[in-house]
Amino acid sequence: MNQDAFHDIVSGNKRPVILLEGTRSLPAENHPRLVRFGSWVAALYPHAVFRTGNADGSDSAFARGVASVDPSRLEFVLPYRGHRKHSMAREAYQFSLDTLSTVEEERASYATAEASPKYDSMLKRRHEVARLKFTSAYLLRDTLKVTGVEGTRLTPATVGIFYVNPSDPMKGGTGHTIRVCQRHGVPVAFQDQWLAWIENCEV
C-alpha cells in the first residue's frame, strides 16, 4: 500500500479505523519516528480512530504520538481488563476480552485458527490449561483488533500500519495480526513504505 492508496482509503471512509502496531523489539533510535508518525497521521486525519493492542515497543510509541494530538481517538484492545493500564490515556476507549460473549469468543477463535492454523490445537485446549488460556488471550486480542466485534463500538479495521522485524516480519503476534488483515482484505503497510511518508512533512 503506497501513500496515495492509504490517503484514498482513509479519506473515503466516514470513520476509518487505523491499526498502529508492531514488534515489541523496537530499536531505541526508531522510537521517535513512530511517535512522529502517530502524531502526523492523527493530525492529518481528524476523522480517523487509531487502534492498538497496548503492547510495549511499537504499540506504545505509535499511541504516544496519537495521544499528543487527541487521546480520545485511541482504541485499546486488551487481552484482559487492566492490561498495562498505566500506559493508556484515560480518554481512550478500551475493549477487553473479559467482555466477550461465548459466541463471540468462539467466533474469534475460529478466525484466529483460520489465519494461523498452527495455533488451532492450542486454541481448542485453552480452557483446559491455564497457560494456554493466557497465551490464547493475546492471539484472540490480535484477531479482534482486525475483525472487530459485532454489536459493539469495535468495528472492523480499515487499514494497518506495522513496524515489523525486517528479518522475520511474520513472526509472533505481529505476524498473526498481519495474516488476519490479509484474510479480511485489510490493506497493510510496513515501515519501508510509511516512513517515507513523513520524511518531508512537518508535524
Protein backbone atom coordinates (compact mmCIF):
# COMPACT_ATOMS: atom_id res chain seq x y z
CA MET A 1 0.00 0.00 0.00
CA ASN A 2 1.52 3.31 -1.05
CA GLN A 3 0.72 6.72 0.39
CA ASP A 4 -1.82 7.63 -2.28
CA ALA A 5 -3.73 4.41 -1.69
CA PHE A 6 -3.63 4.97 2.06
CA HIS A 7 -4.94 8.52 1.66
CA ASP A 8 -7.75 7.44 -0.64
CA ILE A 9 -8.87 4.67 1.71
CA VAL A 10 -8.79 6.82 4.85
CA SER A 11 -10.27 9.93 3.23
CA GLY A 12 -13.07 7.93 1.65
CA ASN A 13 -14.22 6.38 4.93
CA LYS A 14 -16.51 8.20 7.36
CA ARG A 15 -14.85 6.66 10.43
CA PRO A 16 -11.70 4.81 9.37
CA VAL A 17 -10.04 2.56 11.92
CA ILE A 18 -6.26 2.62 11.50
CA LEU A 19 -4.23 -0.11 13.19
CA LEU A 20 -0.92 1.18 14.55
CA GLU A 21 1.28 -1.58 15.93
CA GLY A 22 4.22 -3.91 15.55
CA THR A 23 7.08 -5.65 17.24
CA ARG A 24 7.91 -5.16 20.90
CA SER A 25 11.60 -5.21 19.92
CA LEU A 26 11.62 -1.63 18.67
CA PRO A 27 15.16 -0.22 18.32
CA ALA A 28 15.55 2.82 20.58
CA GLU A 29 16.65 5.01 17.70
CA ASN A 30 13.37 4.38 15.87
CA HIS A 31 11.07 5.16 18.79
CA PRO A 32 10.83 8.89 17.94
CA ARG A 33 9.96 8.08 14.34
CA LEU A 34 6.93 6.02 15.40
CA VAL A 35 5.83 8.74 17.80
CA ARG A 36 6.16 11.24 14.98
CA PHE A 37 4.15 9.08 12.59
CA GLY A 38 1.39 8.71 15.18
CA SER A 39 1.10 12.45 15.70
CA TRP A 40 1.36 13.16 11.96
CA VAL A 41 -1.38 10.75 10.92
CA ALA A 42 -3.68 11.80 13.79
CA ALA A 43 -3.36 15.47 12.84
CA LEU A 44 -3.78 14.79 9.12
CA TYR A 45 -6.96 12.69 9.50
CA PRO A 46 -9.05 14.15 12.34
CA HIS A 47 -11.98 11.85 11.48
CA ALA A 48 -9.94 8.66 12.00
CA VAL A 49 -9.58 6.50 15.10
CA PHE A 50 -6.46 4.54 15.95
CA ARG A 51 -6.37 1.03 17.35
CA THR A 52 -3.57 -0.82 19.13
CA GLY A 53 -3.03 -3.76 21.46
CA ASN A 54 -1.21 -1.68 24.10
CA ALA A 55 1.97 -3.76 23.99
CA ASP A 56 5.35 -2.30 24.86
CA GLY A 57 7.54 -1.18 21.98
CA SER A 58 5.90 -0.21 18.69
CA ASP A 59 2.32 -0.09 20.02
CA SER A 60 3.13 2.32 22.82
CA ALA A 61 5.29 4.55 20.58
CA PHE A 62 2.53 4.94 17.99
CA ALA A 63 -0.07 5.53 20.71
CA ARG A 64 2.06 8.21 22.32
CA GLY A 65 2.07 10.13 19.05
CA VAL A 66 -1.70 9.89 18.61
CA ALA A 67 -2.28 10.88 22.24
CA SER A 68 -0.27 14.07 21.73
CA VAL A 69 -2.92 15.15 19.22
CA ASP A 70 -6.15 13.62 20.57
CA PRO A 71 -6.11 10.73 23.07
CA SER A 72 -9.88 10.26 22.75
CA ARG A 73 -9.37 8.79 19.27
CA LEU A 74 -7.30 5.91 20.60
CA GLU A 75 -8.79 2.42 20.93
CA PHE A 76 -7.03 -0.19 23.05
CA VAL A 77 -7.94 -3.85 22.57
CA LEU A 78 -6.81 -5.75 25.66
CA PRO A 79 -6.31 -9.45 26.44
CA TYR A 80 -7.75 -8.79 29.88
CA ARG A 81 -9.11 -5.84 31.84
CA GLY A 82 -6.39 -3.60 33.28
CA HIS A 83 -3.62 -4.80 30.95
CA ARG A 84 -0.79 -2.21 31.19
CA LYS A 85 -3.34 0.36 32.30
CA HIS A 86 -0.60 2.77 33.36
CA SER A 87 0.32 3.26 29.69
CA MET A 88 -3.18 4.14 28.43
CA ALA A 89 -4.61 7.62 28.15
CA ARG A 90 -7.71 7.93 30.32
CA GLU A 91 -9.70 9.42 27.44
CA ALA A 92 -9.07 6.39 25.22
CA TYR A 93 -11.63 3.67 24.52
CA GLN A 94 -10.82 0.26 25.99
CA PHE A 95 -12.16 -3.13 24.97
CA SER A 96 -11.08 -6.27 26.78
CA LEU A 97 -11.69 -9.94 26.11
CA ASP A 98 -13.37 -10.20 29.51
CA THR A 99 -16.49 -8.67 27.95
CA LEU A 100 -16.81 -11.18 25.09
CA SER A 101 -19.80 -13.47 24.95
CA THR A 102 -19.14 -17.19 24.47
CA VAL A 103 -20.41 -16.93 20.90
CA GLU A 104 -18.10 -14.03 20.07
CA GLU A 105 -15.13 -15.73 21.71
CA GLU A 106 -15.67 -18.85 19.61
CA ARG A 107 -16.02 -16.72 16.51
CA ALA A 108 -12.72 -15.01 17.31
CA SER A 109 -11.11 -18.39 17.99
CA TYR A 110 -12.21 -19.66 14.58
CA ALA A 111 -10.87 -16.55 12.81
CA THR A 112 -7.59 -16.89 14.72
CA ALA A 113 -7.08 -20.53 13.69
CA GLU A 114 -8.11 -19.71 10.14
CA ALA A 115 -5.33 -17.10 9.86
CA SER A 116 -2.73 -19.07 11.84
CA PRO A 117 -3.56 -22.82 11.69
CA LYS A 118 -0.57 -23.73 13.86
CA TYR A 119 -2.45 -22.32 16.86
CA ASP A 120 -5.61 -24.38 16.30
CA SER A 121 -4.76 -27.12 18.80
CA MET A 122 -3.79 -24.62 21.48
CA LEU A 123 -6.99 -22.66 21.00
CA LYS A 124 -9.15 -25.78 21.33
CA ARG A 125 -7.43 -26.66 24.62
CA ARG A 126 -7.31 -23.14 26.06
CA HIS A 127 -9.98 -23.81 28.69
CA GLU A 128 -8.20 -26.92 29.94
CA VAL A 129 -4.77 -25.42 30.69
CA ALA A 130 -4.28 -22.03 32.35
CA ARG A 131 -1.07 -21.34 30.44
CA LEU A 132 -2.80 -21.96 27.12
CA LYS A 133 -5.71 -19.74 28.07
CA PHE A 134 -3.29 -16.91 28.89
CA THR A 135 -1.41 -17.25 25.60
CA SER A 136 -4.63 -17.63 23.61
CA ALA A 137 -5.98 -14.38 25.04
CA TYR A 138 -3.22 -12.43 23.32
CA LEU A 139 -3.87 -14.12 19.98
CA LEU A 140 -7.62 -13.55 20.23
CA ARG A 141 -6.88 -9.93 21.11
CA ASP A 142 -4.78 -9.61 17.95
CA THR A 143 -7.58 -11.09 15.85
CA LEU A 144 -10.23 -8.77 17.28
CA LYS A 145 -8.09 -5.72 16.54
CA VAL A 146 -8.73 -6.53 12.89
CA THR A 147 -12.18 -8.11 12.79
CA GLY A 148 -13.87 -6.04 15.46
CA VAL A 149 -16.84 -7.37 17.45
CA GLU A 150 -20.40 -7.24 16.15
CA GLY A 151 -22.78 -5.08 18.12
CA THR A 152 -20.02 -3.05 19.81
CA ARG A 153 -18.09 0.12 19.11
CA LEU A 154 -15.21 -2.11 17.96
CA THR A 155 -15.80 -2.01 14.21
CA PRO A 156 -13.55 -3.80 11.69
CA ALA A 157 -10.18 -2.25 10.89
CA THR A 158 -9.81 -0.20 7.72
CA VAL A 159 -6.03 -0.23 7.20
CA GLY A 160 -2.98 -1.44 9.13
CA ILE A 161 0.34 0.33 9.74
CA PHE A 162 3.02 -2.01 11.08
CA TYR A 163 6.57 -1.74 12.34
CA VAL A 164 7.88 -5.26 11.73
CA ASN A 165 11.08 -7.17 12.35
CA PRO A 166 12.79 -6.78 8.95
CA SER A 167 14.37 -10.23 9.14
CA ASP A 168 11.08 -12.00 10.01
CA PRO A 169 8.04 -9.74 9.53
CA MET A 170 5.53 -12.57 10.01
CA LYS A 171 6.86 -13.64 13.40
CA GLY A 172 4.74 -13.92 16.53
CA GLY A 173 1.67 -11.87 17.33
CA THR A 174 2.52 -9.15 14.83
CA GLY A 175 2.74 -11.70 12.03
CA HIS A 176 -0.56 -13.23 13.13
CA THR A 177 -2.25 -9.81 13.03
CA ILE A 178 -0.91 -9.22 9.53
CA ARG A 179 -2.27 -12.60 8.40
CA VAL A 180 -5.70 -11.72 9.80
CA CYS A 181 -5.55 -8.44 7.88
CA GLN A 182 -4.70 -10.31 4.70
CA ARG A 183 -7.55 -12.80 5.14
CA HIS A 184 -10.05 -10.00 5.78
CA GLY A 185 -8.92 -7.71 2.97
CA VAL A 186 -7.38 -5.04 5.20
CA PRO A 187 -4.52 -3.29 3.35
CA VAL A 188 -1.24 -3.02 5.28
CA ALA A 189 1.99 -1.04 5.08
CA PHE A 190 5.34 -1.76 6.74
CA GLN A 191 8.00 0.76 7.76
CA ASP A 192 9.87 0.52 4.48
CA GLN A 193 6.80 2.19 2.99
CA TRP A 194 5.28 4.51 5.58
CA LEU A 195 8.49 6.00 6.99
CA ALA A 196 8.98 7.75 3.65
CA TRP A 197 5.57 9.40 4.01
CA ILE A 198 6.74 11.64 6.85
CA GLU A 199 10.30 12.38 5.74
CA ASN A 200 9.41 15.75 4.24
CA CYS A 201 6.40 16.56 6.40
CA GLU A 202 6.21 18.88 9.34
CA VAL A 203 4.40 17.61 12.43
